[in-house]
Amino acid sequence: CTTVVYLARGEDSENKVLDVEFKKPNLYRNTVIEGDNEGAVVTLNSEGVIHGKQGGLFSMVVLTLEPDDERLAGLRGRRFFETAWGVEYQEVRDAVAGGWELTRLEDQELDGDMCYVVTASGETEGDDLTERQIWIDQETHLPRRLYEFAGEDVVRDAKFINVELNAEPAEGTFSL
């Protein structure tokens, strides 16, 4: 799918458009289409090895990275392999199990499609997030948007477009 994402932390913010590919059980590839480091690619292959390359002049240089490498983290600290929908849903389930309140909000329209909107709200020690919203397409039941809030401030807005399921990308897609 294509992910259009806005992230904020304090006074810093970033906007990116990513081409995101995922194949079960845990193969990932993200390519920056627009935004800082346009053309950058990062992959996680079937051996659990992460490769990355910058866009632009150094795009020929492929690096092998450790999962905790700071270059893999976005502005909010989330790494590319922590953005799969299953991971996102599990984080909401864990928050609710930890005392967050789960609520269904009023349905919303997104790009002409109606979505269910579910929110989990609460506080977690050491984290500024106070609310996570998931917008779920009423027809396909796929996530269409994820919002995260720190108080009243939107700190993450991820919108999913051009979603293709069961696309069966070749395993070589996940290696550089």
Protein backbone atom coordinates (compact mmCIF):
# COMPACT_ATOMS: atom_id res chain seq x y z
CA CYS A 1 0.00 0.00 0.00
CA THR A 2 0.93 3.63 -0.05
CA THR A 3 1.14 5.22 3.38
CA VAL A 4 0.82 8.97 3.74
CA VAL A 5 2.18 9.81 7.18
CA TYR A 6 2.56 12.87 9.38
CA LEU A 7 4.62 12.59 12.56
CA ALA A 8 5.29 15.14 15.31
CA ARG A 9 7.38 15.23 18.46
CA GLY A 10 7.65 18.52 20.29
CA GLU A 11 8.44 21.26 17.78
CA ASP A 12 9.62 18.77 15.12
CA SER A 13 7.38 17.27 12.45
CA GLU A 14 7.72 15.37 9.21
CA ASN A 15 5.54 14.38 6.29
CA LYS A 16 6.34 11.36 4.14
CA VAL A 17 4.75 9.18 1.52
CA LEU A 18 5.90 5.57 1.65
CA ASP A 19 5.49 2.57 -0.60
CA VAL A 20 5.01 -0.25 1.92
CA GLU A 21 5.21 -3.95 1.12
CA PHE A 22 4.63 -6.75 3.61
CA LYS A 23 4.49 -10.52 3.26
CA LYS A 24 3.69 -12.94 6.05
CA PRO A 25 5.19 -13.85 8.37
CA ASN A 26 7.56 -10.87 8.68
CA LEU A 27 9.00 -9.61 5.39
CA TYR A 28 9.01 -5.82 4.99
CA ARG A 29 10.07 -3.23 2.44
CA ASN A 30 9.55 0.53 2.76
CA THR A 31 10.51 3.01 0.06
CA VAL A 32 10.32 6.78 0.65
CA ILE A 33 8.37 8.20 -2.31
CA GLU A 34 8.14 11.78 -0.98
CA GLY A 35 9.69 13.59 1.97
CA ASP A 36 13.04 13.60 3.70
CA ASN A 37 15.44 11.03 2.24
CA GLU A 38 13.28 10.49 -0.85
CA GLY A 39 14.34 7.31 -2.64
CA ALA A 40 15.59 5.61 0.54
CA VAL A 41 14.72 1.91 0.85
CA VAL A 42 14.82 -0.39 3.86
CA THR A 43 14.05 -4.12 3.89
CA LEU A 44 13.71 -6.98 6.36
CA ASN A 45 14.31 -10.34 4.65
CA SER A 46 13.43 -13.94 5.53
CA GLU A 47 16.70 -14.40 7.45
CA GLY A 48 15.84 -11.44 9.68
CA VAL A 49 18.52 -9.25 8.09
CA ILE A 50 17.79 -5.54 7.64
CA HIS A 51 19.29 -3.73 4.67
CA GLY A 52 18.96 -0.06 3.89
CA LYS A 53 20.13 2.49 1.39
CA GLN A 54 19.73 6.22 1.15
CA GLY A 55 18.15 8.02 -1.73
CA GLY A 56 20.12 10.27 -4.04
CA LEU A 57 23.85 10.21 -4.56
CA PHE A 58 24.53 7.35 -2.14
CA SER A 59 21.74 5.09 -3.38
CA MET A 60 24.30 2.54 -4.61
CA VAL A 61 25.57 1.90 -1.06
CA VAL A 62 23.64 -0.85 0.76
CA LEU A 63 24.09 -1.11 4.52
CA THR A 64 23.28 -3.99 6.87
CA LEU A 65 21.58 -2.56 9.96
CA GLU A 66 20.77 -3.82 13.44
CA PRO A 67 17.09 -3.66 14.52
CA ASP A 68 17.92 -1.02 17.17
CA ASP A 69 19.82 1.24 14.74
CA GLU A 70 18.53 4.80 15.30
CA ARG A 71 18.40 5.40 11.53
CA LEU A 72 15.50 2.94 11.34
CA ALA A 73 13.35 4.94 13.77
CA GLY A 74 10.93 7.62 12.68
CA LEU A 75 10.41 10.84 14.57
CA ARG A 76 8.17 9.06 17.12
CA GLY A 77 10.67 6.21 17.60
CA ARG A 78 8.71 3.55 15.68
CA ARG A 79 10.74 1.35 13.34
CA PHE A 80 9.48 0.36 9.89
CA PHE A 81 8.88 -3.26 10.94
CA GLU A 82 6.64 -2.03 13.80
CA THR A 83 4.09 -0.53 11.41
CA ALA A 84 2.35 -3.69 10.18
CA TRP A 85 -1.37 -3.62 10.88
CA GLY A 86 -1.16 -6.66 13.14
CA VAL A 87 1.44 -4.90 15.29
CA GLU A 88 -0.74 -1.77 15.42
CA TYR A 89 -3.79 -3.77 16.50
CA GLN A 90 -1.78 -5.63 19.14
CA GLU A 91 -0.57 -2.33 20.60
CA VAL A 92 -4.18 -1.16 20.98
CA ARG A 93 -5.16 -4.50 22.57
CA ASP A 94 -2.22 -4.21 24.98
CA ALA A 95 -3.18 -0.63 25.87
CA VAL A 96 -6.77 -1.70 26.61
CA ALA A 97 -5.50 -4.64 28.67
CA GLY A 98 -3.37 -2.07 30.57
CA GLY A 99 -6.40 0.03 31.48
CA TRP A 100 -7.05 2.21 28.44
CA GLU A 101 -10.71 2.77 27.55
CA LEU A 102 -11.96 1.45 24.20
CA THR A 103 -14.77 3.47 22.60
CA ARG A 104 -16.54 3.49 19.25
CA LEU A 105 -16.85 7.02 17.91
CA GLU A 106 -19.18 8.37 15.24
CA ASP A 107 -18.60 6.89 11.77
CA GLN A 108 -16.52 9.11 9.45
CA GLU A 109 -16.10 9.46 5.71
CA LEU A 110 -12.62 9.15 4.23
CA ASP A 111 -12.06 9.68 0.51
CA GLY A 112 -15.70 8.82 -0.21
CA ASP A 113 -15.76 5.66 1.91
CA MET A 114 -17.47 5.30 5.28
CA CYS A 115 -15.33 4.13 8.16
CA TYR A 116 -15.96 2.83 11.64
CA VAL A 117 -13.86 4.80 14.12
CA VAL A 118 -12.59 3.10 17.27
CA THR A 119 -10.49 4.89 19.85
CA ALA A 120 -8.43 3.74 22.79
CA SER A 121 -7.63 6.43 25.32
CA GLY A 122 -5.61 6.52 28.50
CA GLU A 123 -2.12 7.10 29.79
CA THR A 124 0.99 4.97 29.95
CA GLU A 125 3.96 5.85 32.13
CA GLY A 126 6.88 7.13 30.06
CA ASP A 127 4.78 7.73 26.93
CA ASP A 128 3.05 10.96 25.85
CA LEU A 129 0.31 9.18 23.85
CA THR A 130 -3.17 9.64 25.26
CA GLU A 131 -5.32 8.37 22.40
CA ARG A 132 -5.11 6.06 19.38
CA GLN A 133 -7.80 6.01 16.72
CA ILE A 134 -8.27 3.34 14.08
CA TRP A 135 -10.49 4.09 11.09
CA ILE A 136 -11.77 0.85 9.54
CA ASP A 137 -13.38 0.78 6.09
CA GLN A 138 -16.99 -0.37 6.49
CA GLU A 139 -16.95 -2.32 3.23
CA THR A 140 -13.51 -3.96 3.22
CA HIS A 141 -12.87 -3.94 7.00
CA LEU A 142 -9.29 -2.83 6.33
CA PRO A 143 -7.63 -0.07 8.34
CA ARG A 144 -7.68 3.20 6.41
CA ARG A 145 -6.24 5.63 8.91
CA LEU A 146 -4.46 5.65 12.25
CA TYR A 147 -4.38 8.74 14.43
CA GLU A 148 -2.33 9.14 17.59
CA PHE A 149 -2.72 12.03 20.01
CA ALA A 150 -0.63 13.47 22.81
CA GLY A 151 -3.28 15.42 24.65
CA GLU A 152 -5.02 17.55 22.00
CA ASP A 153 -2.11 17.37 19.54
CA VAL A 154 -2.06 14.95 16.62
CA VAL A 155 1.38 13.31 16.75
CA ARG A 156 0.77 10.69 14.07
CA ASP A 157 -1.61 10.54 11.15
CA ALA A 158 -1.11 7.55 8.88
CA LYS A 159 -3.46 7.15 5.92
CA PHE A 160 -3.42 3.95 3.83
CA ILE A 161 -4.24 4.17 0.12
CA ASN A 162 -3.72 1.95 -2.94
CA VAL A 163 -4.00 -1.15 -0.77
CA GLU A 164 -3.44 -4.46 -2.57
CA LEU A 165 -4.05 -7.68 -0.66
CA ASN A 166 -2.52 -11.02 -1.60
CA ALA A 167 -0.24 -9.30 -4.12
CA GLU A 168 2.39 -12.03 -3.56
CA PRO A 169 5.54 -9.98 -4.04
CA ALA A 170 8.60 -12.06 -4.86
CA GLU A 171 10.82 -12.86 -1.86
CA GLY A 172 13.64 -10.98 -3.62
CA THR A 173 11.60 -7.80 -3.11
CA PHE A 174 12.65 -7.93 0.54
CA SER A 175 16.40 -7.91 -0.08
CA LEU A 176 18.63 -5.18 -1.45
